């Protein structure tokens, strides 16, 4: 097969980004954030981290999604801990916004892949 052969599925690579850590801040990588169980400060399970958008961590909570500010997220062993009190009304609101935006992007992705 030659490069650019339309019968061959596209290949995908992995990119790593490294940034300088500012003093006094918590810095995460994708591996630190995604596919982790998320707990609140009282130890109750909020769900599992599935994505992030801007400065928010997206957590799948049952059939719904929560948006939690990254500045309130802390690593604890193999899970994530949300410090402070979670405002569920705002968290669900941001989670719904993320879900709508993610759905809007999917048809564009599928369209580009078939061309």
N, C-alpha and C. Protein backbone atom coordinates (compact mmCIF):
# COMPACT_ATOMS: atom_id res chain seq x y z
N UNK A 1 0.83 -1.18 0.00
CA UNK A 1 0.00 0.00 0.00
C UNK A 1 0.88 1.25 0.00
N UNK A 2 0.44 2.27 -0.69
CA UNK A 2 1.18 3.51 -0.73
C UNK A 2 0.58 4.51 0.25
N UNK A 3 1.38 5.47 0.70
CA UNK A 3 0.84 6.48 1.62
C UNK A 3 -0.32 7.23 0.97
N UNK A 4 -1.35 7.52 1.73
CA UNK A 4 -2.51 8.22 1.22
C UNK A 4 -3.49 7.31 0.50
N UNK A 5 -3.27 5.99 0.57
CA UNK A 5 -4.17 5.04 -0.06
C UNK A 5 -5.54 5.12 0.59
N UNK A 6 -6.62 5.42 -0.20
CA UNK A 6 -7.94 5.57 0.40
C UNK A 6 -8.51 4.29 1.00
N UNK A 7 -7.98 3.13 0.62
CA UNK A 7 -8.49 1.87 1.18
C UNK A 7 -7.92 1.60 2.57
N UNK A 8 -6.89 2.34 2.93
CA UNK A 8 -6.25 2.16 4.23
C UNK A 8 -6.86 3.14 5.24
N UNK A 9 -7.27 2.64 6.42
CA UNK A 9 -7.83 3.56 7.42
C UNK A 9 -6.77 4.54 7.91
N UNK A 10 -7.22 5.75 8.28
CA UNK A 10 -6.22 6.74 8.74
C UNK A 10 -5.56 6.28 10.04
N UNK A 11 -4.32 6.68 10.21
CA UNK A 11 -3.62 6.35 11.46
C UNK A 11 -3.63 7.59 12.35
N UNK A 12 -3.65 7.35 13.63
CA UNK A 12 -3.69 8.44 14.60
C UNK A 12 -2.48 8.34 15.50
N UNK A 13 -1.92 9.46 15.85
CA UNK A 13 -0.77 9.50 16.73
C UNK A 13 -1.14 10.13 18.06
N UNK A 14 -0.22 10.11 18.97
CA UNK A 14 -0.41 10.71 20.28
C UNK A 14 0.57 11.86 20.42
N UNK A 15 0.06 12.99 20.91
CA UNK A 15 0.91 14.16 21.12
C UNK A 15 0.99 14.45 22.61
N UNK A 16 2.16 14.84 23.06
CA UNK A 16 2.35 15.20 24.45
C UNK A 16 2.72 16.68 24.51
N UNK A 17 2.12 17.38 25.44
CA UNK A 17 2.41 18.79 25.62
C UNK A 17 3.02 18.98 27.01
N UNK A 18 4.10 19.69 27.07
CA UNK A 18 4.74 19.96 28.34
C UNK A 18 4.73 21.47 28.56
N UNK A 19 4.35 21.87 29.75
CA UNK A 19 4.34 23.28 30.08
C UNK A 19 5.05 23.48 31.41
N UNK A 20 5.51 24.68 31.62
CA UNK A 20 6.14 24.99 32.90
C UNK A 20 5.07 25.10 33.97
N UNK A 21 5.36 24.60 35.13
CA UNK A 21 4.43 24.67 36.25
C UNK A 21 4.63 25.99 36.98
N UNK A 22 3.52 26.72 37.15
CA UNK A 22 3.58 27.96 37.91
C UNK A 22 3.63 27.61 39.38
N UNK A 23 4.35 28.40 40.13
CA UNK A 23 4.48 28.14 41.55
C UNK A 23 3.13 28.24 42.24
N UNK A 24 2.81 27.26 43.08
CA UNK A 24 1.57 27.29 43.85
C UNK A 24 0.35 26.79 43.10
N UNK A 25 0.52 26.23 41.91
CA UNK A 25 -0.63 25.72 41.16
C UNK A 25 -0.52 24.22 41.01
N UNK A 26 -1.65 23.59 40.77
CA UNK A 26 -1.69 22.16 40.49
C UNK A 26 -1.78 21.99 38.99
N UNK A 27 -0.93 21.19 38.42
CA UNK A 27 -0.94 20.98 36.99
C UNK A 27 -1.19 19.51 36.70
N UNK A 28 -2.12 19.26 35.78
CA UNK A 28 -2.50 17.90 35.44
C UNK A 28 -2.19 17.63 33.98
N UNK A 29 -2.03 16.36 33.66
CA UNK A 29 -1.98 15.92 32.28
C UNK A 29 -3.26 15.14 32.01
N UNK A 30 -3.53 14.83 30.75
CA UNK A 30 -4.72 14.05 30.41
C UNK A 30 -4.76 12.75 31.19
N UNK A 31 -3.63 12.10 31.33
CA UNK A 31 -3.57 10.82 32.03
C UNK A 31 -3.94 10.97 33.50
N UNK A 32 -3.63 12.12 34.09
CA UNK A 32 -3.97 12.37 35.48
C UNK A 32 -5.47 12.57 35.67
N UNK A 33 -6.15 13.06 34.65
CA UNK A 33 -7.54 13.47 34.79
C UNK A 33 -8.57 12.45 34.32
N UNK A 34 -8.31 11.78 33.25
CA UNK A 34 -9.35 10.98 32.61
C UNK A 34 -9.44 9.56 33.13
N UNK A 35 -10.66 9.03 33.09
CA UNK A 35 -10.95 7.66 33.51
C UNK A 35 -10.59 7.41 34.97
N UNK A 36 -10.89 8.36 35.80
CA UNK A 36 -10.65 8.24 37.25
C UNK A 36 -11.97 8.40 37.98
N UNK A 37 -12.13 7.69 39.09
CA UNK A 37 -13.30 7.90 39.93
C UNK A 37 -13.13 9.23 40.66
N UNK A 38 -14.22 9.96 40.79
CA UNK A 38 -14.19 11.27 41.41
C UNK A 38 -15.06 11.24 42.66
N UNK A 39 -14.51 11.73 43.78
CA UNK A 39 -15.20 11.76 45.06
C UNK A 39 -15.30 13.19 45.56
N UNK A 40 -16.34 13.49 46.34
CA UNK A 40 -16.43 14.80 46.96
C UNK A 40 -15.65 14.80 48.28
N UNK A 41 -15.64 15.92 48.97
CA UNK A 41 -14.82 16.03 50.18
C UNK A 41 -15.30 15.14 51.32
N UNK A 42 -16.57 14.71 51.27
CA UNK A 42 -17.07 13.81 52.32
C UNK A 42 -16.84 12.34 51.97
N UNK A 43 -16.27 12.07 50.80
CA UNK A 43 -15.98 10.70 50.39
C UNK A 43 -17.04 10.06 49.53
N UNK A 44 -18.12 10.79 49.22
CA UNK A 44 -19.19 10.25 48.36
C UNK A 44 -18.72 10.26 46.90
N UNK A 45 -19.02 9.18 46.19
CA UNK A 45 -18.60 9.06 44.79
C UNK A 45 -19.49 9.93 43.91
N UNK A 46 -18.85 10.83 43.14
CA UNK A 46 -19.59 11.68 42.22
C UNK A 46 -19.75 11.02 40.86
N UNK A 47 -18.79 10.21 40.45
CA UNK A 47 -18.85 9.57 39.15
C UNK A 47 -17.45 9.30 38.63
N UNK A 48 -17.32 9.30 37.29
CA UNK A 48 -16.04 9.04 36.65
C UNK A 48 -15.71 10.16 35.69
N UNK A 49 -14.46 10.61 35.71
CA UNK A 49 -14.04 11.70 34.83
C UNK A 49 -13.95 11.18 33.40
N UNK A 50 -14.58 11.94 32.47
CA UNK A 50 -14.63 11.49 31.08
C UNK A 50 -13.99 12.48 30.10
N UNK A 51 -13.90 13.75 30.51
CA UNK A 51 -13.36 14.75 29.60
C UNK A 51 -13.04 16.01 30.40
N UNK A 52 -12.53 17.00 29.70
CA UNK A 52 -12.40 18.31 30.30
C UNK A 52 -12.57 19.35 29.22
N UNK A 53 -13.03 20.52 29.63
CA UNK A 53 -13.28 21.60 28.69
C UNK A 53 -12.90 22.90 29.38
N UNK A 54 -11.99 23.63 28.76
CA UNK A 54 -11.49 24.87 29.34
C UNK A 54 -10.92 24.57 30.73
N UNK A 55 -11.49 25.15 31.77
CA UNK A 55 -10.97 24.94 33.12
C UNK A 55 -11.89 24.05 33.95
N UNK A 56 -12.69 23.21 33.29
CA UNK A 56 -13.66 22.34 33.97
C UNK A 56 -13.37 20.87 33.67
N UNK A 57 -13.52 20.04 34.70
CA UNK A 57 -13.43 18.60 34.55
C UNK A 57 -14.86 18.09 34.35
N UNK A 58 -15.07 17.23 33.36
CA UNK A 58 -16.40 16.67 33.09
C UNK A 58 -16.47 15.30 33.74
N UNK A 59 -17.50 15.11 34.57
CA UNK A 59 -17.68 13.88 35.34
C UNK A 59 -19.00 13.25 34.95
N UNK A 60 -18.98 11.98 34.56
CA UNK A 60 -20.22 11.26 34.25
C UNK A 60 -20.82 10.79 35.57
N UNK A 61 -22.05 11.23 35.81
CA UNK A 61 -22.76 10.93 37.05
C UNK A 61 -24.08 10.29 36.66
N UNK A 62 -24.12 8.95 36.61
CA UNK A 62 -25.32 8.26 36.11
C UNK A 62 -25.50 8.55 34.64
N UNK A 63 -26.69 9.06 34.28
CA UNK A 63 -26.96 9.40 32.89
C UNK A 63 -26.64 10.86 32.60
N UNK A 64 -26.20 11.61 33.61
CA UNK A 64 -25.94 13.04 33.46
C UNK A 64 -24.45 13.33 33.60
N UNK A 65 -24.09 14.57 33.32
CA UNK A 65 -22.71 15.00 33.39
C UNK A 65 -22.59 16.21 34.31
N UNK A 66 -21.48 16.28 35.02
CA UNK A 66 -21.17 17.40 35.91
C UNK A 66 -19.93 18.13 35.39
N UNK A 67 -19.91 19.43 35.55
CA UNK A 67 -18.71 20.21 35.25
C UNK A 67 -18.14 20.74 36.56
N UNK A 68 -16.94 20.34 36.90
CA UNK A 68 -16.31 20.72 38.16
C UNK A 68 -15.06 21.54 37.85
N UNK A 69 -14.90 22.73 38.46
CA UNK A 69 -13.70 23.53 38.20
C UNK A 69 -12.42 22.77 38.55
N UNK A 70 -11.45 22.81 37.64
CA UNK A 70 -10.18 22.10 37.87
C UNK A 70 -9.45 22.61 39.10
N UNK A 71 -9.64 23.88 39.45
CA UNK A 71 -8.93 24.42 40.61
C UNK A 71 -9.39 23.76 41.91
N UNK A 72 -10.54 23.05 41.87
CA UNK A 72 -11.04 22.35 43.07
C UNK A 72 -10.73 20.85 43.04
N UNK A 73 -10.01 20.40 42.01
CA UNK A 73 -9.73 18.97 41.84
C UNK A 73 -8.32 18.66 42.34
N UNK A 74 -8.22 17.57 43.09
CA UNK A 74 -6.94 17.14 43.67
C UNK A 74 -6.79 15.64 43.46
N UNK A 75 -5.58 15.19 43.14
CA UNK A 75 -5.32 13.75 43.01
C UNK A 75 -5.25 13.12 44.39
N UNK A 76 -5.82 11.94 44.50
CA UNK A 76 -5.72 11.16 45.74
C UNK A 76 -5.58 9.70 45.33
N UNK A 77 -4.39 9.17 45.48
CA UNK A 77 -4.07 7.80 45.04
C UNK A 77 -4.44 7.66 43.57
N UNK A 78 -5.35 6.74 43.24
CA UNK A 78 -5.73 6.51 41.85
C UNK A 78 -7.06 7.17 41.50
N UNK A 79 -7.53 8.06 42.34
CA UNK A 79 -8.80 8.73 42.10
C UNK A 79 -8.61 10.24 42.20
N UNK A 80 -9.70 10.98 42.02
CA UNK A 80 -9.68 12.43 42.12
C UNK A 80 -10.61 12.86 43.24
N UNK A 81 -10.25 13.92 43.92
CA UNK A 81 -11.03 14.44 45.03
C UNK A 81 -11.40 15.88 44.72
N UNK A 82 -12.69 16.21 44.89
CA UNK A 82 -13.15 17.58 44.71
C UNK A 82 -13.15 18.25 46.07
N UNK A 83 -12.35 19.30 46.22
CA UNK A 83 -12.27 20.01 47.48
C UNK A 83 -13.44 20.99 47.59
N UNK A 84 -13.98 21.14 48.78
CA UNK A 84 -15.06 22.10 49.01
C UNK A 84 -16.42 21.51 48.69
N UNK A 85 -17.41 22.38 48.67
CA UNK A 85 -18.80 21.97 48.42
C UNK A 85 -19.10 22.09 46.93
N UNK A 86 -19.73 21.07 46.37
CA UNK A 86 -20.08 21.06 44.95
C UNK A 86 -21.45 21.72 44.78
N UNK A 87 -21.52 22.74 43.92
CA UNK A 87 -22.79 23.37 43.58
C UNK A 87 -23.38 22.55 42.42
N UNK A 88 -24.26 21.59 42.77
CA UNK A 88 -24.76 20.65 41.76
C UNK A 88 -25.57 21.32 40.67
N UNK A 89 -26.32 22.37 40.98
CA UNK A 89 -27.12 23.02 39.93
C UNK A 89 -26.21 23.60 38.86
N UNK A 90 -25.13 24.29 39.26
CA UNK A 90 -24.18 24.84 38.28
C UNK A 90 -23.38 23.72 37.61
N UNK A 91 -23.03 22.70 38.38
CA UNK A 91 -22.25 21.59 37.82
C UNK A 91 -23.04 20.87 36.74
N UNK A 92 -24.33 20.60 36.99
CA UNK A 92 -25.17 19.95 35.98
C UNK A 92 -25.39 20.87 34.77
N UNK A 93 -25.53 22.16 35.03
CA UNK A 93 -25.72 23.12 33.94
C UNK A 93 -24.52 23.11 32.99
N UNK A 94 -23.32 23.15 33.55
CA UNK A 94 -22.12 23.11 32.71
C UNK A 94 -21.98 21.75 32.03
N UNK A 95 -22.32 20.68 32.73
CA UNK A 95 -22.26 19.34 32.13
C UNK A 95 -23.19 19.21 30.93
N UNK A 96 -24.38 19.79 31.03
CA UNK A 96 -25.33 19.76 29.90
C UNK A 96 -24.79 20.57 28.73
N UNK A 97 -24.18 21.73 29.03
CA UNK A 97 -23.58 22.55 27.97
C UNK A 97 -22.48 21.77 27.26
N UNK A 98 -21.62 21.10 28.03
CA UNK A 98 -20.55 20.30 27.44
C UNK A 98 -21.14 19.19 26.56
N UNK A 99 -22.19 18.53 27.05
CA UNK A 99 -22.80 17.43 26.30
C UNK A 99 -23.37 17.92 24.98
N UNK A 100 -24.04 19.07 24.98
CA UNK A 100 -24.58 19.63 23.74
C UNK A 100 -23.46 19.99 22.77
N UNK A 101 -22.40 20.60 23.29
CA UNK A 101 -21.26 20.95 22.44
C UNK A 101 -20.59 19.71 21.87
N UNK A 102 -20.45 18.66 22.67
CA UNK A 102 -19.82 17.42 22.21
C UNK A 102 -20.65 16.76 21.12
N UNK A 103 -21.96 16.79 21.27
CA UNK A 103 -22.83 16.20 20.24
C UNK A 103 -22.76 16.99 18.95
N UNK A 104 -22.64 18.30 19.06
CA UNK A 104 -22.56 19.14 17.88
C UNK A 104 -21.28 18.86 17.10
N UNK A 105 -20.19 18.54 17.79
CA UNK A 105 -18.91 18.28 17.14
C UNK A 105 -18.85 16.92 16.46
N UNK A 106 -19.58 15.95 16.94
CA UNK A 106 -19.50 14.59 16.39
C UNK A 106 -19.87 14.51 14.91
N UNK A 107 -20.98 15.10 14.43
CA UNK A 107 -21.27 15.00 13.00
C UNK A 107 -20.16 15.62 12.15
N UNK A 108 -19.54 16.70 12.61
CA UNK A 108 -18.44 17.29 11.86
C UNK A 108 -17.27 16.32 11.77
N UNK A 109 -16.97 15.63 12.87
CA UNK A 109 -15.89 14.66 12.88
C UNK A 109 -16.19 13.51 11.91
N UNK A 110 -17.40 12.98 11.97
CA UNK A 110 -17.78 11.87 11.09
C UNK A 110 -17.75 12.29 9.63
N UNK A 111 -18.20 13.50 9.32
CA UNK A 111 -18.21 14.00 7.95
C UNK A 111 -16.79 14.09 7.40
N UNK A 112 -15.86 14.62 8.20
CA UNK A 112 -14.47 14.77 7.76
C UNK A 112 -13.79 13.41 7.57
N UNK A 113 -14.18 12.44 8.33
CA UNK A 113 -13.54 11.12 8.24
C UNK A 113 -13.94 10.38 6.97
N UNK A 114 -15.16 10.59 6.46
CA UNK A 114 -15.62 9.86 5.28
C UNK A 114 -15.10 10.48 4.00
N UNK A 115 -14.64 11.72 4.07
CA UNK A 115 -14.16 12.37 2.84
C UNK A 115 -12.77 11.96 2.50
